[in-house]
């Protein structure tokens, strides 16, 4: 298997957690990838190519939880910077989380999720209700 390298703009991966309600968050990532060895898939190249990047929560050494995928730029064959993606709403417990990015080939094989990781702190959600009486 050929080596696939993922490296991030800030650290190794740049996850940004955006608050979106009680324990619901979106995860935004930016990554770079060198497509010179494994080109991206396209309408004419459908095998032996990078199909997508998968973003996982690998906090605590548990089984990776896939959060979302970012399609590889169609037909890319050079080193690219600034590949971005954002999840839908995901439930994340407060605390420090470890996120991972993998490259997935058209046949479903993936790079090692432990090879490209970053950490971010998830803030606790806001109270469900709040009231104040001033007399």
N, C-alpha and C. Protein backbone atom coordinates (compact mmCIF):
# COMPACT_ATOMS: atom_id res chain seq x y z
N UNK A 1 0.85 -1.18 0.00
CA UNK A 1 0.00 0.00 0.00
C UNK A 1 0.89 1.24 0.00
N UNK A 2 0.54 2.20 -0.77
CA UNK A 2 1.32 3.45 -0.83
C UNK A 2 1.03 4.32 0.38
N UNK A 3 2.02 5.08 0.74
CA UNK A 3 1.89 5.98 1.89
C UNK A 3 1.06 7.20 1.49
N UNK A 4 0.07 7.53 2.31
CA UNK A 4 -0.74 8.72 2.11
C UNK A 4 -0.45 9.65 3.28
N UNK A 5 -0.20 10.90 2.98
CA UNK A 5 0.19 11.85 4.01
C UNK A 5 -0.85 12.95 4.11
N UNK A 6 -1.34 13.17 5.31
CA UNK A 6 -2.26 14.28 5.58
C UNK A 6 -1.56 15.18 6.57
N UNK A 7 -1.53 16.46 6.29
CA UNK A 7 -0.98 17.40 7.27
C UNK A 7 -1.86 18.63 7.28
N UNK A 8 -1.98 19.28 8.44
CA UNK A 8 -2.91 20.39 8.59
C UNK A 8 -2.23 21.74 8.54
N UNK A 9 -3.03 22.77 8.34
CA UNK A 9 -2.54 24.13 8.30
C UNK A 9 -2.14 24.60 9.70
N UNK A 10 -2.95 24.34 10.68
CA UNK A 10 -2.64 24.73 12.05
C UNK A 10 -2.51 23.44 12.84
N UNK A 11 -1.32 23.14 13.32
CA UNK A 11 -1.07 21.84 13.94
C UNK A 11 -1.13 20.80 12.84
N UNK A 12 -1.75 19.69 13.10
CA UNK A 12 -1.88 18.64 12.09
C UNK A 12 -3.26 18.65 11.48
N UNK A 13 -4.20 19.17 12.17
CA UNK A 13 -5.58 19.30 11.69
C UNK A 13 -6.13 20.48 12.45
N UNK A 14 -6.98 21.28 11.84
CA UNK A 14 -7.45 22.48 12.52
C UNK A 14 -8.94 22.38 12.81
N UNK A 15 -9.32 21.63 13.86
CA UNK A 15 -10.74 21.59 14.17
C UNK A 15 -11.16 22.85 14.92
N UNK A 16 -12.30 23.35 14.56
CA UNK A 16 -12.87 24.52 15.22
C UNK A 16 -14.25 24.10 15.69
N UNK A 17 -14.49 24.15 17.00
CA UNK A 17 -15.79 23.77 17.51
C UNK A 17 -16.65 25.02 17.65
N UNK A 18 -17.75 25.02 16.98
CA UNK A 18 -18.66 26.15 17.00
C UNK A 18 -19.87 25.79 17.84
N UNK A 19 -20.17 26.59 18.86
CA UNK A 19 -21.29 26.29 19.74
C UNK A 19 -22.59 26.39 18.97
N UNK A 20 -23.46 25.41 19.14
CA UNK A 20 -24.72 25.38 18.43
C UNK A 20 -25.85 24.87 19.31
N UNK A 21 -25.79 25.08 20.62
CA UNK A 21 -26.85 24.64 21.51
C UNK A 21 -26.31 23.62 22.50
N UNK A 22 -27.19 23.12 23.35
CA UNK A 22 -26.83 22.20 24.41
C UNK A 22 -26.19 20.93 23.86
N UNK A 23 -24.90 20.78 24.03
CA UNK A 23 -24.07 19.65 23.63
C UNK A 23 -24.07 19.39 22.12
N UNK A 24 -24.70 20.22 21.36
CA UNK A 24 -24.70 20.09 19.90
C UNK A 24 -23.67 21.07 19.33
N UNK A 25 -22.79 20.55 18.49
CA UNK A 25 -21.71 21.36 17.94
C UNK A 25 -21.52 21.02 16.47
N UNK A 26 -20.87 21.92 15.75
CA UNK A 26 -20.35 21.58 14.43
C UNK A 26 -18.84 21.54 14.55
N UNK A 27 -18.22 20.70 13.76
CA UNK A 27 -16.77 20.58 13.74
C UNK A 27 -16.31 21.01 12.35
N UNK A 28 -15.48 22.03 12.30
CA UNK A 28 -14.94 22.52 11.03
C UNK A 28 -13.46 22.18 10.96
N UNK A 29 -13.01 21.64 9.84
CA UNK A 29 -11.60 21.26 9.71
C UNK A 29 -11.01 21.81 8.43
N UNK A 30 -9.71 22.02 8.47
CA UNK A 30 -8.92 22.41 7.30
C UNK A 30 -7.74 21.47 7.24
N UNK A 31 -7.49 20.88 6.10
CA UNK A 31 -6.36 19.98 5.97
C UNK A 31 -5.66 20.17 4.63
N UNK A 32 -4.46 19.67 4.55
CA UNK A 32 -3.66 19.69 3.32
C UNK A 32 -3.39 18.24 2.94
N UNK A 33 -3.23 17.98 1.64
CA UNK A 33 -2.96 16.62 1.19
C UNK A 33 -2.11 16.66 -0.07
N UNK A 34 -1.17 15.74 -0.15
CA UNK A 34 -0.31 15.64 -1.32
C UNK A 34 -0.84 14.53 -2.23
N UNK A 35 -1.49 14.93 -3.32
CA UNK A 35 -2.09 13.98 -4.26
C UNK A 35 -1.11 13.50 -5.33
N UNK A 36 0.20 13.76 -5.18
CA UNK A 36 1.14 13.36 -6.23
C UNK A 36 1.32 11.85 -6.31
N UNK A 37 1.16 11.12 -5.20
CA UNK A 37 1.27 9.66 -5.22
C UNK A 37 -0.08 9.02 -5.49
N UNK A 38 -1.08 9.40 -4.73
CA UNK A 38 -2.44 8.89 -4.91
C UNK A 38 -3.32 10.04 -5.34
N UNK A 39 -3.67 10.07 -6.62
CA UNK A 39 -4.51 11.14 -7.15
C UNK A 39 -5.93 11.03 -6.61
N UNK A 40 -6.65 12.13 -6.67
CA UNK A 40 -8.05 12.13 -6.27
C UNK A 40 -8.89 11.47 -7.36
N UNK A 41 -9.99 10.87 -6.95
CA UNK A 41 -10.92 10.29 -7.91
C UNK A 41 -11.56 11.39 -8.75
N UNK A 42 -12.06 11.01 -9.91
CA UNK A 42 -12.79 11.93 -10.78
C UNK A 42 -13.83 11.11 -11.54
N UNK A 43 -14.56 11.75 -12.43
CA UNK A 43 -15.56 11.01 -13.20
C UNK A 43 -14.91 9.96 -14.10
N UNK A 44 -13.65 10.17 -14.51
CA UNK A 44 -12.98 9.20 -15.38
C UNK A 44 -12.01 8.28 -14.62
N UNK A 45 -11.60 8.66 -13.41
CA UNK A 45 -10.72 7.82 -12.58
C UNK A 45 -11.52 7.41 -11.35
N UNK A 46 -11.86 6.11 -11.28
CA UNK A 46 -12.73 5.65 -10.20
C UNK A 46 -12.12 4.55 -9.34
N UNK A 47 -10.89 4.16 -9.63
CA UNK A 47 -10.22 3.16 -8.80
C UNK A 47 -8.77 3.57 -8.59
N UNK A 48 -8.19 3.10 -7.47
CA UNK A 48 -6.81 3.46 -7.14
C UNK A 48 -6.63 4.93 -6.86
N UNK A 49 -7.68 5.57 -6.36
CA UNK A 49 -7.66 7.02 -6.15
C UNK A 49 -8.24 7.36 -4.78
N UNK A 50 -7.95 8.58 -4.30
CA UNK A 50 -8.48 9.06 -3.03
C UNK A 50 -9.91 9.56 -3.27
N UNK A 51 -10.84 8.96 -2.58
CA UNK A 51 -12.26 9.32 -2.71
C UNK A 51 -12.64 10.46 -1.78
N UNK A 52 -12.19 10.36 -0.49
CA UNK A 52 -12.63 11.33 0.50
C UNK A 52 -11.72 11.31 1.71
N UNK A 53 -11.93 12.28 2.58
CA UNK A 53 -11.26 12.36 3.87
C UNK A 53 -12.33 12.15 4.94
N UNK A 54 -12.07 11.26 5.87
CA UNK A 54 -13.01 10.99 6.96
C UNK A 54 -12.50 11.64 8.24
N UNK A 55 -13.41 12.27 8.96
CA UNK A 55 -13.08 12.94 10.21
C UNK A 55 -13.72 12.15 11.35
N UNK A 56 -12.90 11.80 12.33
CA UNK A 56 -13.33 10.97 13.45
C UNK A 56 -13.10 11.68 14.77
N UNK A 57 -13.89 11.29 15.78
CA UNK A 57 -13.61 11.61 17.18
C UNK A 57 -12.98 10.34 17.74
N UNK A 58 -11.72 10.42 18.18
CA UNK A 58 -11.03 9.25 18.73
C UNK A 58 -10.67 9.47 20.20
N UNK A 59 -11.45 10.28 20.88
CA UNK A 59 -11.21 10.62 22.27
C UNK A 59 -11.19 9.38 23.15
N UNK A 60 -10.22 9.34 24.05
CA UNK A 60 -10.17 8.30 25.07
C UNK A 60 -9.75 6.93 24.58
N UNK A 61 -9.26 6.82 23.38
CA UNK A 61 -8.80 5.53 22.89
C UNK A 61 -9.91 4.56 22.53
N UNK A 62 -11.15 5.01 22.57
CA UNK A 62 -12.27 4.15 22.19
C UNK A 62 -12.27 3.99 20.67
N UNK A 63 -13.15 3.15 20.18
CA UNK A 63 -13.28 2.97 18.74
C UNK A 63 -13.57 4.32 18.09
N UNK A 64 -12.93 4.62 16.96
CA UNK A 64 -13.18 5.90 16.29
C UNK A 64 -14.67 6.07 15.95
N UNK A 65 -15.17 7.28 16.17
CA UNK A 65 -16.56 7.61 15.81
C UNK A 65 -16.49 8.55 14.61
N UNK A 66 -16.97 8.10 13.48
CA UNK A 66 -16.95 8.93 12.27
C UNK A 66 -17.95 10.06 12.41
N UNK A 67 -17.45 11.29 12.23
CA UNK A 67 -18.30 12.47 12.34
C UNK A 67 -18.82 12.92 10.97
N UNK A 68 -17.94 12.92 9.95
CA UNK A 68 -18.36 13.32 8.61
C UNK A 68 -17.23 13.05 7.63
N UNK A 69 -17.53 13.22 6.35
CA UNK A 69 -16.54 13.02 5.29
C UNK A 69 -16.46 14.27 4.42
N UNK A 70 -15.27 14.49 3.87
CA UNK A 70 -15.03 15.60 2.96
C UNK A 70 -14.62 14.99 1.62
N UNK A 71 -15.36 15.22 0.55
CA UNK A 71 -14.96 14.66 -0.76
C UNK A 71 -13.61 15.22 -1.18
N UNK A 72 -12.77 14.37 -1.77
CA UNK A 72 -11.50 14.83 -2.32
C UNK A 72 -11.80 15.72 -3.53
N UNK A 73 -10.99 16.76 -3.75
CA UNK A 73 -11.19 17.63 -4.92
C UNK A 73 -11.04 16.79 -6.20
N UNK A 74 -12.04 16.77 -7.03
CA UNK A 74 -12.07 15.92 -8.21
C UNK A 74 -10.83 16.07 -9.08
N UNK A 75 -10.15 14.93 -9.31
CA UNK A 75 -9.02 14.90 -10.22
C UNK A 75 -7.74 15.53 -9.71
N UNK A 76 -7.66 15.91 -8.44
CA UNK A 76 -6.46 16.56 -7.92
C UNK A 76 -5.25 15.64 -8.06
N UNK A 77 -4.11 16.20 -8.48
CA UNK A 77 -2.91 15.39 -8.68
C UNK A 77 -1.64 16.09 -8.16
N UNK A 78 -1.80 17.16 -7.42
CA UNK A 78 -0.67 17.89 -6.85
C UNK A 78 -0.91 18.08 -5.35
N UNK A 79 0.05 18.63 -4.66
CA UNK A 79 -0.14 18.97 -3.25
C UNK A 79 -1.15 20.10 -3.16
N UNK A 80 -2.12 19.95 -2.27
CA UNK A 80 -3.16 20.96 -2.11
C UNK A 80 -3.23 21.39 -0.65
N UNK A 81 -3.48 22.69 -0.45
CA UNK A 81 -3.67 23.23 0.90
C UNK A 81 -5.08 23.78 1.01
N UNK A 82 -5.56 23.83 2.23
CA UNK A 82 -6.84 24.49 2.49
C UNK A 82 -8.07 23.69 2.09
N UNK A 83 -8.01 22.37 2.16
CA UNK A 83 -9.20 21.54 1.92
C UNK A 83 -10.04 21.63 3.19
N UNK A 84 -11.29 22.05 3.07
CA UNK A 84 -12.11 22.30 4.26
C UNK A 84 -13.39 21.48 4.24
N UNK A 85 -13.94 21.32 5.43
CA UNK A 85 -15.23 20.66 5.58
C UNK A 85 -15.80 20.96 6.94
N UNK A 86 -17.12 20.88 7.04
CA UNK A 86 -17.81 21.14 8.30
C UNK A 86 -18.88 20.08 8.50
N UNK A 87 -18.95 19.57 9.70
CA UNK A 87 -19.96 18.55 10.03
C UNK A 87 -21.34 19.19 10.16
N UNK A 88 -22.33 18.36 10.19
CA UNK A 88 -23.65 18.79 10.66
C UNK A 88 -23.57 18.83 12.18
N UNK A 89 -24.70 19.01 12.84
CA UNK A 89 -24.70 19.03 14.31
C UNK A 89 -24.34 17.65 14.85
N UNK A 90 -23.38 17.63 15.76
CA UNK A 90 -22.98 16.39 16.42
C UNK A 90 -23.01 16.61 17.93
N UNK A 91 -23.30 15.56 18.68
CA UNK A 91 -23.32 15.64 20.14
C UNK A 91 -21.93 15.31 20.65
N UNK A 92 -21.35 16.25 21.40
CA UNK A 92 -20.03 16.06 21.98
C UNK A 92 -20.08 16.44 23.46
N UNK A 93 -19.55 15.57 24.30
CA UNK A 93 -19.46 15.88 25.73
C UNK A 93 -18.42 16.97 25.94
N UNK A 94 -18.61 17.75 27.00
CA UNK A 94 -17.63 18.79 27.34
C UNK A 94 -16.29 18.16 27.68
N UNK A 95 -15.22 18.86 27.37
CA UNK A 95 -13.88 18.39 27.70
C UNK A 95 -12.99 18.37 26.48
N UNK A 96 -11.79 17.84 26.66
CA UNK A 96 -10.81 17.78 25.58
C UNK A 96 -11.12 16.57 24.70
N UNK A 97 -11.20 16.80 23.41
CA UNK A 97 -11.45 15.74 22.43
C UNK A 97 -10.26 15.63 21.49
N UNK A 98 -10.01 14.41 21.04
CA UNK A 98 -9.00 14.17 20.02
C UNK A 98 -9.73 13.81 18.74
N UNK A 99 -9.40 14.53 17.67
CA UNK A 99 -10.00 14.31 16.36
C UNK A 99 -8.95 13.75 15.42
N UNK A 100 -9.38 12.98 14.45
CA UNK A 100 -8.46 12.37 13.48
C UNK A 100 -9.00 12.55 12.07
N UNK A 101 -8.08 12.61 11.11
CA UNK A 101 -8.45 12.67 9.70
C UNK A 101 -7.78 11.50 8.99
N UNK A 102 -8.54 10.85 8.12
CA UNK A 102 -7.97 9.78 7.30
C UNK A 102 -8.26 10.08 5.83
N UNK A 103 -7.43 9.50 4.96
CA UNK A 103 -7.70 9.52 3.53
C UNK A 103 -8.30 8.17 3.20
N UNK A 104 -9.43 8.18 2.48
CA UNK A 104 -10.09 6.93 2.09
C UNK A 104 -9.98 6.75 0.58
N UNK A 105 -9.47 5.61 0.18
CA UNK A 105 -9.35 5.27 -1.23
C UNK A 105 -10.71 4.82 -1.78
N UNK A 106 -10.83 4.73 -3.08
CA UNK A 106 -12.08 4.32 -3.73
C UNK A 106 -12.52 2.92 -3.30
N UNK A 107 -11.55 2.05 -2.97
CA UNK A 107 -11.90 0.68 -2.56
C UNK A 107 -12.26 0.59 -1.07
N UNK A 108 -12.26 1.72 -0.35
CA UNK A 108 -12.67 1.75 1.05
C UNK A 108 -11.52 1.69 2.04
N UNK A 109 -10.30 1.37 1.59
CA UNK A 109 -9.17 1.35 2.53
C UNK A 109 -8.88 2.76 3.00
N UNK A 110 -8.43 2.88 4.24
CA UNK A 110 -8.15 4.19 4.84
C UNK A 110 -6.75 4.23 5.44
N UNK A 111 -6.22 5.44 5.51
CA UNK A 111 -4.97 5.64 6.23
C UNK A 111 -5.22 5.49 7.72
N UNK A 112 -4.15 5.41 8.49
CA UNK A 112 -4.22 5.23 9.93
C UNK A 112 -4.79 6.47 10.60
N UNK A 113 -5.89 6.35 11.37
CA UNK A 113 -6.47 7.53 12.02
C UNK A 113 -5.54 8.15 13.07
N UNK A 114 -4.59 7.40 13.58
CA UNK A 114 -3.67 7.94 14.58
C UNK A 114 -2.52 8.72 13.96
N UNK A 115 -2.43 8.74 12.64
CA UNK A 115 -1.32 9.42 11.96
C UNK A 115 -1.56 10.92 11.79
N UNK A 116 -2.79 11.35 11.88
CA UNK A 116 -3.11 12.77 11.71
C UNK A 116 -4.19 13.15 12.71
N UNK A 117 -3.78 13.74 13.84
CA UNK A 117 -4.73 14.05 14.90
C UNK A 117 -4.55 15.48 15.39
N UNK A 118 -5.57 15.96 16.05
CA UNK A 118 -5.53 17.28 16.70
C UNK A 118 -6.49 17.23 17.88
N UNK A 119 -6.26 18.09 18.84
CA UNK A 119 -7.15 18.16 19.99
C UNK A 119 -7.84 19.51 20.04
N UNK A 120 -9.01 19.52 20.64
CA UNK A 120 -9.77 20.75 20.85
C UNK A 120 -10.61 20.56 22.10
N UNK A 121 -10.90 21.65 22.77
CA UNK A 121 -11.72 21.61 23.97
C UNK A 121 -13.16 21.98 23.61
N UNK A 122 -14.08 21.13 24.04
CA UNK A 122 -15.50 21.37 23.83
C UNK A 122 -16.05 22.01 25.09
N UNK A 123 -16.68 23.17 24.93
CA UNK A 123 -17.29 23.86 26.06
C UNK A 123 -18.59 23.18 26.44
N UNK A 124 -18.98 23.24 27.71
CA UNK A 124 -20.27 22.67 28.10
C UNK A 124 -21.42 23.45 27.47
N UNK A 125 -22.53 22.78 27.28
CA UNK A 125 -23.72 23.46 26.76
C UNK A 125 -24.29 24.42 27.77
N UNK A 126 -25.15 25.29 27.32
CA UNK A 126 -25.80 26.25 28.21
C UNK A 126 -26.96 25.59 28.94
N UNK A 127 -27.36 26.15 30.07
CA UNK A 127 -28.52 25.62 30.77
C UNK A 127 -29.74 25.60 29.86
N UNK A 128 -30.61 24.60 30.09
CA UNK A 128 -31.81 24.47 29.28
C UNK A 128 -32.78 25.60 29.56
N UNK A 129 -32.87 25.99 30.83
CA UNK A 129 -33.74 27.13 31.16
C UNK A 129 -33.07 27.95 32.25
N UNK A 130 -33.50 29.20 32.34
CA UNK A 130 -32.88 30.12 33.29
C UNK A 130 -33.90 31.22 33.57
N UNK A 131 -34.09 31.52 34.84
CA UNK A 131 -35.00 32.61 35.17
C UNK A 131 -34.42 33.40 36.35
N UNK A 132 -34.79 34.65 36.40
CA UNK A 132 -34.32 35.55 37.45
C UNK A 132 -35.52 36.35 37.94
N UNK A 133 -35.61 36.51 39.25
CA UNK A 133 -36.62 37.39 39.82
C UNK A 133 -35.91 38.48 40.57
N UNK A 134 -36.22 39.74 40.24
CA UNK A 134 -35.61 40.87 40.91
C UNK A 134 -36.73 41.61 41.63
N UNK A 135 -36.57 41.82 42.93
CA UNK A 135 -37.62 42.49 43.69
C UNK A 135 -37.14 43.77 44.27
